[in-house]
Structure formats: structure tokens, C-alpha cells
C-alpha atoms as a PDB file:
ATOM      1  CA  MET A   1     100.385 111.894 119.953  1.00  0.00           C
ATOM      2  CA  ASN A   2     100.265 109.490 122.945  1.00  0.00           C
ATOM      3  CA  ILE A   3      97.490 109.702 125.608  1.00  0.00           C
ATOM      4  CA  LYS A   4      99.598 111.472 128.198  1.00  0.00           C
ATOM      5  CA  ARG A   5     100.436 114.244 125.947  1.00  0.00           C
ATOM      6  CA  THR A   6      96.942 114.546 124.793  1.00  0.00           C
ATOM      7  CA  VAL A   7      95.553 114.734 128.256  1.00  0.00           C
ATOM      8  CA  LEU A   8      98.233 117.223 129.155  1.00  0.00           C
ATOM      9  CA  LEU A   9      97.410 119.401 126.284  1.00  0.00           C
ATOM     10  CA  GLY A  10      93.699 119.280 127.157  1.00  0.00           C
ATOM     11  CA  ILE A  11      94.334 120.492 130.726  1.00  0.00           C
ATOM     12  CA  MET A  12      96.692 123.285 129.650  1.00  0.00           C
ATOM     13  CA  LEU A  13      94.132 124.595 127.051  1.00  0.00           C
ATOM     14  CA  PHE A  14      91.458 124.241 129.792  1.00  0.00           C
ATOM     15  CA  LEU A  15      93.361 126.311 132.325  1.00  0.00           C
ATOM     16  CA  PHE A  16      94.303 128.864 129.523  1.00  0.00           C
ATOM     17  CA  SER A  17      90.459 129.292 128.825  1.00  0.00           C
ATOM     18  CA  VAL A  18      89.859 129.748 132.505  1.00  0.00           C
ATOM     19  CA  VAL A  19      92.686 132.525 132.800  1.00  0.00           C
ATOM     20  CA  LEU A  20      91.107 134.390 129.650  1.00  0.00           C
ATOM     21  CA  TYR A  21      87.474 134.262 131.354  1.00  0.00           C
ATOM     22  CA  PHE A  22      88.932 135.548 134.508  1.00  0.00           C
ATOM     23  CA  ILE A  23      90.806 138.329 132.814  1.00  0.00           C
ATOM     24  CA  ASN A  24      87.600 139.214 130.961  1.00  0.00           C
ATOM     25  CA  PHE A  25      85.648 139.427 134.391  1.00  0.00           C
ATOM     26  CA  LEU A  26      88.423 141.560 135.883  1.00  0.00           C
ATOM     27  CA  LEU A  27      88.341 144.023 132.988  1.00  0.00           C
ATOM     28  CA  TYR A  28      84.423 144.225 132.599  1.00  0.00           C
ATOM     29  CA  GLY A  29      83.032 142.773 135.780  1.00  0.00           C
ATOM     30  CA  ASP A  30      80.080 141.523 134.131  1.00  0.00           C
ATOM     31  CA  ALA A  31      79.496 138.068 135.189  1.00  0.00           C
ATOM     32  CA  HIS A  32      76.177 137.621 133.744  1.00  0.00           C
ATOM     33  CA  HIS A  33      77.265 138.498 130.249  1.00  0.00           C
ATOM     34  CA  LEU A  34      80.246 136.296 130.661  1.00  0.00           C
ATOM     35  CA  MET A  35      78.157 133.358 131.801  1.00  0.00           C
ATOM     36  CA  GLU A  36      75.604 133.957 128.793  1.00  0.00           C
ATOM     37  CA  SER A  37      78.546 134.100 126.341  1.00  0.00           C
ATOM     38  CA  PHE A  38      80.011 130.976 127.898  1.00  0.00           C
ATOM     39  CA  THR A  39      76.710 128.947 127.516  1.00  0.00           C
ATOM     40  CA  GLU A  40      76.257 130.061 123.981  1.00  0.00           C
ATOM     41  CA  GLU A  41      79.669 128.856 123.045  1.00  0.00           C
ATOM     42  CA  LEU A  42      79.131 125.771 125.072  1.00  0.00           C
ATOM     43  CA  ALA A  43      75.761 125.101 123.013  1.00  0.00           C
ATOM     44  CA  PHE A  44      77.559 125.660 119.869  1.00  0.00           C
ATOM     45  CA  MET A  45      80.235 123.139 120.857  1.00  0.00           C
ATOM     46  CA  PRO A  46      78.456 119.961 119.546  1.00  0.00           C
ATOM     47  CA  VAL A  47      78.122 121.598 116.040  1.00  0.00           C
ATOM     48  CA  TYR A  48      81.828 122.626 116.168  1.00  0.00           C
ATOM     49  CA  VAL A  49      82.670 119.158 117.091  1.00  0.00           C
ATOM     50  CA  PHE A  50      80.724 117.556 114.341  1.00  0.00           C
ATOM     51  CA  ILE A  51      82.187 119.820 111.742  1.00  0.00           C
ATOM     52  CA  THR A  52      85.833 119.092 112.995  1.00  0.00           C
ATOM     53  CA  ALA A  53      85.310 115.448 113.343  1.00  0.00           C
ATOM     54  CA  VAL A  54      83.422 114.824 110.194  1.00  0.00           C
ATOM     55  CA  PHE A  55      84.116 117.407 107.515  1.00  0.00           C
ATOM     56  CA  ALA A  56      87.749 118.213 108.432  1.00  0.00           C
ATOM     57  CA  GLU A  57      88.599 114.395 108.937  1.00  0.00           C
ATOM     58  CA  ARG A  58      87.056 113.538 105.717  1.00  0.00           C
ATOM     59  CA  MET A  59      88.979 116.317 103.799  1.00  0.00           C
ATOM     60  CA  LEU A  60      92.085 115.085 105.349  1.00  0.00           C
ATOM     61  CA  SER A  61      91.510 111.445 104.615  1.00  0.00           C
ATOM     62  CA  ARG A  62      90.681 112.428 100.968  1.00  0.00           C
ATOM     63  CA  SER A  63      94.183 114.267 100.873  1.00  0.00           C
ATOM     64  CA  GLU A  64      95.898 111.207 102.223  1.00  0.00           C
ATOM     65  CA  LYS A  65      94.176 108.914  99.754  1.00  0.00           C
ATOM     66  CA  ALA A  66      95.221 111.070  96.865  1.00  0.00           C
ATOM     67  CA  GLU A  67      98.775 111.171  98.144  1.00  0.00           C
ATOM     68  CA  MET A  68      98.695 107.347  98.473  1.00  0.00           C
ATOM     69  CA  SER A  69      97.285 106.894  95.061  1.00  0.00           C
ATOM     70  CA  ARG A  70      99.994 109.037  93.480  1.00  0.00           C
ATOM     71  CA  ARG A  71     102.563 106.943  95.247  1.00  0.00           C
ATOM     72  CA  THR A  72     101.046 103.756  94.383  1.00  0.00           C
ATOM     73  CA  ASN A  73     100.599 104.659  90.657  1.00  0.00           C
ATOM     74  CA  ALA A  74     104.364 105.719  90.504  1.00  0.00           C
ATOM     75  CA  LEU A  75     105.006 102.075  91.742  1.00  0.00           C
ATOM     76  CA  VAL A  76     102.564 100.810  89.043  1.00  0.00           C
ATOM     77  CA  GLY A  77     104.573 102.776  86.416  1.00  0.00           C
ATOM     78  CA  THR A  78     107.788 101.153  87.782  1.00  0.00           C
ATOM     79  CA  PHE A  79     106.324  97.683  87.496  1.00  0.00           C
ATOM     80  CA  TYR A  80     105.345  97.987  83.941  1.00  0.00           C
ATOM     81  CA  ASN A  81     108.635  99.382  82.866  1.00  0.00           C
ATOM     82  CA  GLU A  82     110.389  96.630  84.723  1.00  0.00           C
ATOM     83  CA  VAL A  83     108.247  93.660  84.385  1.00  0.00           C
ATOM     84  CA  GLY A  84     104.707  94.251  82.900  1.00  0.00           C
ATOM     85  CA  TYR A  85     105.627  95.463  79.318  1.00  0.00           C
ATOM     86  CA  ASP A  86     107.890  92.723  78.714  1.00  0.00           C
ATOM     87  CA  MET A  87     105.386  90.119  80.081  1.00  0.00           C
ATOM     88  CA  VAL A  88     102.607  91.495  77.922  1.00  0.00           C
ATOM     89  CA  ASN A  89     104.995  91.475  74.919  1.00  0.00           C
ATOM     90  CA  LYS A  90     105.679  87.951  75.199  1.00  0.00           C
ATOM     91  CA  LEU A  91     102.063  86.947  75.765  1.00  0.00           C
ATOM     92  CA  PHE A  92     100.904  88.923  72.792  1.00  0.00           C
ATOM     93  CA  GLU A  93     103.219  86.934  70.465  1.00  0.00           C
ATOM     94  CA  PHE A  94     101.613  83.653  71.799  1.00  0.00           C
ATOM     95  CA  ASP A  95      98.068  84.740  72.057  1.00  0.00           C
ATOM     96  CA  SER A  96      96.059  83.564  69.233  1.00  0.00           C
ATOM     97  CA  ASN A  97      93.284  86.153  70.126  1.00  0.00           C
ATOM     98  CA  SER A  98      95.768  89.045  69.962  1.00  0.00           C
ATOM     99  CA  GLU A  99      94.015  90.708  67.118  1.00  0.00           C
ATOM    100  CA  THR A 100      90.896  91.136  69.358  1.00  0.00           C
ATOM    101  CA  LEU A 101      92.896  92.538  72.103  1.00  0.00           C
ATOM    102  CA  LYS A 102      94.859  94.661  69.829  1.00  0.00           C
ATOM    103  CA  THR A 103      91.527  96.440  68.454  1.00  0.00           C
ATOM    104  CA  GLU A 104      89.949  96.835  71.907  1.00  0.00           C
ATOM    105  CA  MET A 105      93.065  98.269  73.478  1.00  0.00           C
ATOM    106  CA  SER A 106      93.846 100.894  70.767  1.00  0.00           C
ATOM    107  CA  MET A 107      94.313 104.273  72.049  1.00  0.00           C
ATOM    108  CA  ASP A 108      94.147 106.054  68.555  1.00  0.00           C
ATOM    109  CA  SER A 109      90.932 107.788  69.564  1.00  0.00           C
ATOM    110  CA  GLY A 110      92.098 108.650  73.027  1.00  0.00           C
ATOM    111  CA  LEU A 111      90.816 107.442  76.520  1.00  0.00           C
ATOM    112  CA  ASP A 112      87.555 108.579  78.119  1.00  0.00           C
ATOM    113  CA  SER A 113      85.669 107.009  81.057  1.00  0.00           C
ATOM    114  CA  GLN A 114      83.438 105.070  78.609  1.00  0.00           C
ATOM    115  CA  LYS A 115      86.616 103.418  77.069  1.00  0.00           C
ATOM    116  CA  VAL A 116      87.998 102.621  80.614  1.00  0.00           C
ATOM    117  CA  LYS A 117      84.949 100.786  81.598  1.00  0.00           C
ATOM    118  CA  ALA A 118      84.848  98.971  78.347  1.00  0.00           C
ATOM    119  CA  ILE A 119      88.479  97.718  78.791  1.00  0.00           C
ATOM    120  CA  HIS A 120      87.911  96.829  82.244  1.00  0.00           C
ATOM    121  CA  ARG A 121      84.766  94.501  81.143  1.00  0.00           C
ATOM    122  CA  LEU A 122      87.210  93.113  78.699  1.00  0.00           C
ATOM    123  CA  ALA A 123      89.818  92.369  81.266  1.00  0.00           C
ATOM    124  CA  GLU A 124      87.144  90.653  83.462  1.00  0.00           C
ATOM    125  CA  THR A 125      86.416  88.074  80.673  1.00  0.00           C
ATOM    126  CA  TYR A 126      89.150  88.035  78.182  1.00  0.00           C
ATOM    127  CA  THR A 127      90.305  84.455  77.090  1.00  0.00           C
ATOM    128  CA  TYR A 128      94.010  84.134  76.465  1.00  0.00           C
ATOM    129  CA  GLY A 129      94.787  82.266  73.254  1.00  0.00           C
ATOM    130  CA  ALA A 130      97.321  79.920  74.872  1.00  0.00           C
ATOM    131  CA  PRO A 131      99.648  77.988  72.444  1.00  0.00           C
ATOM    132  CA  LYS A 132      99.583  74.110  72.438  1.00  0.00           C
ATOM    133  CA  GLY A 133     102.920  73.783  73.817  1.00  0.00           C
ATOM    134  CA  LYS A 134     104.904  75.240  76.725  1.00  0.00           C
ATOM    135  CA  GLU A 135     106.982  77.977  74.804  1.00  0.00           C
ATOM    136  CA  ASP A 136     105.098  80.820  76.527  1.00  0.00           C
ATOM    137  CA  ILE A 137     105.511  79.289  80.056  1.00  0.00           C
ATOM    138  CA  LEU A 138     109.357  78.999  79.389  1.00  0.00           C
ATOM    139  CA  GLU A 139     109.698  82.469  78.412  1.00  0.00           C
ATOM    140  CA  ILE A 140     107.660  83.973  81.204  1.00  0.00           C
ATOM    141  CA  GLY A 141     109.675  81.783  83.642  1.00  0.00           C
ATOM    142  CA  GLU A 142     112.857  83.233  82.305  1.00  0.00           C
ATOM    143  CA  LEU A 143     111.502  86.806  82.479  1.00  0.00           C
ATOM    144  CA  LEU A 144     110.283  86.443  86.078  1.00  0.00           C
ATOM    145  CA  SER A 145     113.514  84.518  87.166  1.00  0.00           C
ATOM    146  CA  ALA A 146     115.456  87.474  85.843  1.00  0.00           C
ATOM    147  CA  LYS A 147     113.269  90.017  87.776  1.00  0.00           C
ATOM    148  CA  LYS A 148     113.058  88.114  90.884  1.00  0.00           C
ATOM    149  CA  ASP A 149     114.759  90.604  93.160  1.00  0.00           C
ATOM    150  CA  PHE A 150     112.530  93.472  91.775  1.00  0.00           C
ATOM    151  CA  MET A 151     109.383  91.357  92.534  1.00  0.00           C
ATOM    152  CA  LEU A 152     110.490  90.652  96.028  1.00  0.00           C
ATOM    153  CA  ILE A 153     110.857  94.373  96.614  1.00  0.00           C
ATOM    154  CA  MET A 154     107.290  95.074  95.168  1.00  0.00           C
ATOM    155  CA  MET A 155     105.623  92.218  97.093  1.00  0.00           C
ATOM    156  CA  SER A 156     107.226  93.790 100.432  1.00  0.00           C
ATOM    157  CA  ASN A 157     105.999  97.236  99.795  1.00  0.00           C
ATOM    158  CA  ALA A 158     103.246  97.931 102.376  1.00  0.00           C
ATOM    159  CA  SER A 159     101.456 100.722 100.455  1.00  0.00           C
ATOM    160  CA  LEU A 160     100.389  98.262  97.826  1.00  0.00           C
ATOM    161  CA  LEU A 161      97.793  96.902 100.127  1.00  0.00           C
ATOM    162  CA  GLU A 162      95.933 100.256  99.471  1.00  0.00           C
ATOM    163  CA  LYS A 163      95.398  99.350  95.773  1.00  0.00           C
ATOM    164  CA  ASP A 164      93.676  96.100  95.536  1.00  0.00           C
ATOM    165  CA  GLU A 165      93.756  95.786  91.802  1.00  0.00           C
ATOM    166  CA  PHE A 166      97.546  96.174  91.723  1.00  0.00           C
ATOM    167  CA  SER A 167      98.093  93.879  94.569  1.00  0.00           C
ATOM    168  CA  GLU A 168      96.007  91.228  92.787  1.00  0.00           C
ATOM    169  CA  LEU A 169      98.200  91.629  89.699  1.00  0.00           C
ATOM    170  CA  LEU A 170     101.511  91.501  91.862  1.00  0.00           C
ATOM    171  CA  LEU A 171      99.992  88.210  93.639  1.00  0.00           C
ATOM    172  CA  SER A 172      99.022  86.697  90.194  1.00  0.00           C
ATOM    173  CA  VAL A 173     102.289  87.167  88.547  1.00  0.00           C
ATOM    174  CA  ASN A 174     104.163  86.159  91.881  1.00  0.00           C
ATOM    175  CA  HIS A 175     102.169  82.957  92.045  1.00  0.00           C
ATOM    176  CA  ILE A 176     103.231  82.012  88.576  1.00  0.00           C
ATOM    177  CA  HIS A 177     106.843  82.645  89.629  1.00  0.00           C
ATOM    178  CA  GLU A 178     106.665  80.756  92.805  1.00  0.00           C
ATOM    179  CA  ALA A 179     105.006  77.773  91.136  1.00  0.00           C
ATOM    180  CA  LEU A 180     107.728  77.589  88.310  1.00  0.00           C
ATOM    181  CA  LYS A 181     110.525  77.819  90.789  1.00  0.00           C
ATOM    182  CA  THR A 182     109.234  74.441  92.142  1.00  0.00           C
ATOM    183  CA  ILE A 183     109.699  72.711  88.877  1.00  0.00           C
ATOM    184  CA  ASP A 184     113.323  71.400  87.991  1.00  0.00           C
ATOM    185  CA  ASP A 185     112.539  70.942  84.366  1.00  0.00           C
ATOM    186  CA  ILE A 186     109.432  72.961  82.879  1.00  0.00           C
ATOM    187  CA  SER A 187     109.903  71.475  79.430  1.00  0.00           C
ATOM    188  CA  ALA A 188     109.078  68.116  80.748  1.00  0.00           C
ATOM    189  CA  ILE A 189     105.821  69.151  82.722  1.00  0.00           C
ATOM    190  CA  SER A 190     102.536  67.211  81.775  1.00  0.00           C
ATOM    191  CA  ASP A 191      99.674  68.611  79.694  1.00  0.00           C
ATOM    192  CA  ASP A 192      97.372  69.028  82.659  1.00  0.00           C
ATOM    193  CA  LEU A 193     100.038  71.124  84.432  1.00  0.00           C
ATOM    194  CA  VAL A 194     100.579  72.981  81.139  1.00  0.00           C
ATOM    195  CA  ASP A 195      96.842  73.801  81.215  1.00  0.00           C
ATOM    196  CA  HIS A 196      97.066  74.944  84.780  1.00  0.00           C
ATOM    197  CA  PHE A 197      99.723  77.162  84.165  1.00  0.00           C
ATOM    198  CA  HIS A 198      97.929  78.771  81.126  1.00  0.00           C
ATOM    199  CA  SER A 199      95.028  79.325  83.401  1.00  0.00           C
ATOM    200  CA  ASP A 200      97.285  81.050  86.026  1.00  0.00           C
ATOM    201  CA  ILE A 201      98.816  83.136  83.031  1.00  0.00           C
ATOM    202  CA  GLN A 202      95.275  84.014  81.782  1.00  0.00           C
ATOM    203  CA  LYS A 203      94.506  85.517  85.219  1.00  0.00           C
ATOM    204  CA  ALA A 204      97.741  87.554  85.280  1.00  0.00           C
ATOM    205  CA  TYR A 205      97.103  88.528  81.830  1.00  0.00           C
ATOM    206  CA  ARG A 206      93.751  89.904  82.703  1.00  0.00           C
ATOM    207  CA  CYS A 207      95.114  91.814  85.458  1.00  0.00           C
ATOM    208  CA  LEU A 208      97.817  93.426  83.325  1.00  0.00           C
ATOM    209  CA  ILE A 209      95.090  94.642  81.007  1.00  0.00           C
ATOM    210  CA  GLY A 210      92.986  96.104  83.885  1.00  0.00           C
ATOM    211  CA  VAL A 211      95.697  97.686  85.842  1.00  0.00           C
ATOM    212  CA  TRP A 212      97.272  99.265  83.016  1.00  0.00           C
ATOM    213  CA  VAL A 213      94.113 101.015  81.825  1.00  0.00           C
ATOM    214  CA  SER A 214      93.560 102.232  85.309  1.00  0.00           C
ATOM    215  CA  TYR A 215      97.026 103.651  85.377  1.00  0.00           C
ATOM    216  CA  LEU A 216      96.543 105.307  82.083  1.00  0.00           C
ATOM    217  CA  SER A 217      93.256 106.942  83.372  1.00  0.00           C
ATOM    218  CA  PHE A 218      95.135 108.240  86.576  1.00  0.00           C
ATOM    219  CA  ILE A 219      98.219 109.801  84.926  1.00  0.00           C
ATOM    220  CA  LYS A 220      96.007 111.289  82.054  1.00  0.00           C
ATOM    221  CA  ASN A 221      95.096 113.972  84.389  1.00  0.00           C
ATOM    222  CA  GLU A 222      98.031 113.990  86.858  1.00  0.00           C
ATOM    223  CA  ASP A 223     100.789 114.118  84.291  1.00  0.00           C
ATOM    224  CA  PRO A 224      99.615 114.256  80.460  1.00  0.00           C
ATOM    225  CA  TYR A 225     103.033 114.019  79.099  1.00  0.00           C
ATOM    226  CA  LEU A 226     103.892 110.799  81.103  1.00  0.00           C
ATOM    227  CA  TYR A 227     100.374 109.701  79.804  1.00  0.00           C
ATOM    228  CA  MET A 228     101.368 110.193  76.078  1.00  0.00           C
ATOM    229  CA  LEU A 229     104.516 108.454  76.788  1.00  0.00           C
ATOM    230  CA  ALA A 230     102.771 105.359  78.305  1.00  0.00           C
ATOM    231  CA  VAL A 231     100.155 105.187  75.487  1.00  0.00           C
ATOM    232  CA  GLY A 232     103.110 105.451  72.953  1.00  0.00           C
ATOM    233  CA  LYS A 233     104.428 102.453  74.602  1.00  0.00           C
ATOM    234  CA  ASN A 234     101.152 100.367  74.497  1.00  0.00           C
ATOM    235  CA  PRO A 235     102.206  96.832  74.457  1.00  0.00           C
ATOM    236  CA  PHE A 236      98.786  95.705  73.348  1.00  0.00           C
ATOM    237  CA  ARG A 237      99.229  97.233  69.849  1.00  0.00           C
ATOM    238  CA  GLY A 238     101.533  94.514  68.900  1.00  0.00           C
ATOM    239  CA  LYS A 239     103.991  95.599  65.926  1.00  0.00           C
ATOM    240  CA  ALA A 240     101.624  98.259  64.514  1.00  0.00           C
ATOM    241  CA  GLY A 241     103.782 101.235  65.781  1.00  0.00           C
ATOM    242  CA  ALA A 242     103.030 104.336  67.803  1.00  0.00           C
ATOM    243  CA  PRO A 243      99.485 105.264  67.839  1.00  0.00           C
ATOM    244  CA  LYS A 244      98.134 108.496  66.125  1.00  0.00           C
ATOM    245  CA  VAL A 245      97.360 110.032  69.606  1.00  0.00           C
ATOM    246  CA  MET A 246     101.329 110.633  70.018  1.00  0.00           C
ATOM    247  CA  HIS A 247     100.965 113.282  67.586  1.00  0.00           C
ATOM    248  CA  GLU A 248      98.896 115.332  70.195  1.00  0.00           C
ATOM    249  CA  ILE A 249     102.231 115.858  72.297  1.00  0.00           C
END
């Protein structure tokens, strides 16, 4: 609503109020009672404005945030199905610390708030057991090149700005993709550059862990069936097969 319409609406409502007060005076002819009623309502106005401006706006903001969270988490799910799961699967094969990750990321006993916090702590400090060579870099490069159009769409989605954790993941993954595009022959890169890429991959890997558990935590309440399907697709369990929690469906 623009300023002119707001002012016009205010004037119309004010005139309507004046008309109603005038009709009240014509019907009852009690100006004293009318003024007393008017001053009482005027005295209550600041409280009414406070309730409207603070509580009503807060409830509306909460509703908008909930809707934004649902939309963004739908994008998170799409990202993992298109890129994230494949990326984790590839990294898991090269990660010499994968057994530790496999144990910590097991969902056999379910997912509660303590488990979510523990995995987030793990995501902040996890060390990717990178291989000596460039094999993982080559495979990640091929995957991201095949998904370049999808990544471009995800990066251009304005709603992602509302979810810092997911935005950080996309930026980390996109950084790897952009860096690899500048290199003509990845197999010929120096050891120093290999270490740099592994550092970038570790950052993205940590984000993949943290965002995935946040996504699970959200859909567990929003869509329990989708939660079970996502847990069943847990890429951090390696080749161990579906976890026991899938039997709860």
C-alpha cells in the first residue's frame, strides 16, 4: 500500500467515525456522555496501538518466518537429492575418518535435540581424511560440472538469504566449482593447490553435515514420512544399509 492510499484510507476512516458520532448525538442528544465515551476510547488508544503494533506484528512475522522456513527447507531437500547426497557419497569413499563420521551420524536410535547439537558440534570441527592424491578433487569436479545449471539456479534464489547455514553450504560448494573451472588440467595441479582444494572441500563437507541434520530436525516435525525416507537415504552410513529406524514407518 503506497502513502497516498494510506492517507486516503485514514481520512475516510476518520470521516466515517465523525459521522457515526454525529448520528449517535442525533439519536441520544447526550453530548456529555458522547465526549466521555470518546475520551475513554482515546485514552485506550495507546494500549491498542501497542497491542496491534507489537503482538500482532510479531505473530505475523512468526508466521512469515515459518512459511519461509518451509520453502527454504524444500530447497534444501532438493539440493541434497540433486547434488548433496552424491557429493557426500563420493567424499565418504575417500575419507579416511569415515568410520568416526559413520558412528556419529548413525540414526539408529532416532534424532532428538541432544543428537542434533552433538552433530552440529561435530560439523564445526570435523577433519576430512583427504587422500594423498587428487582423485577426490577430480570426482567432485566432474559432479559439480554436471550440475552447474542446477547450482546456478540455487545460487540465484533470493529466499536462500534467509537461511545462513544453507547459504554458507551453497557458497562453499560453488567456490569449489568456480575454482576448478579456472584450471585447465586438474590432474596436473601442484601439491600446494591440492592441499588448498582439500581445505575447501573440508569446509563444504562440514556444511553438508550441519545442514543435513538441521534439515532432518525440521522435517521430523513437519513431515514424519519424508523424515523417515531421508534417514533411510543417510549418505553418512556408507555401505551399511538402511538403519533400523526405517522399520518405524
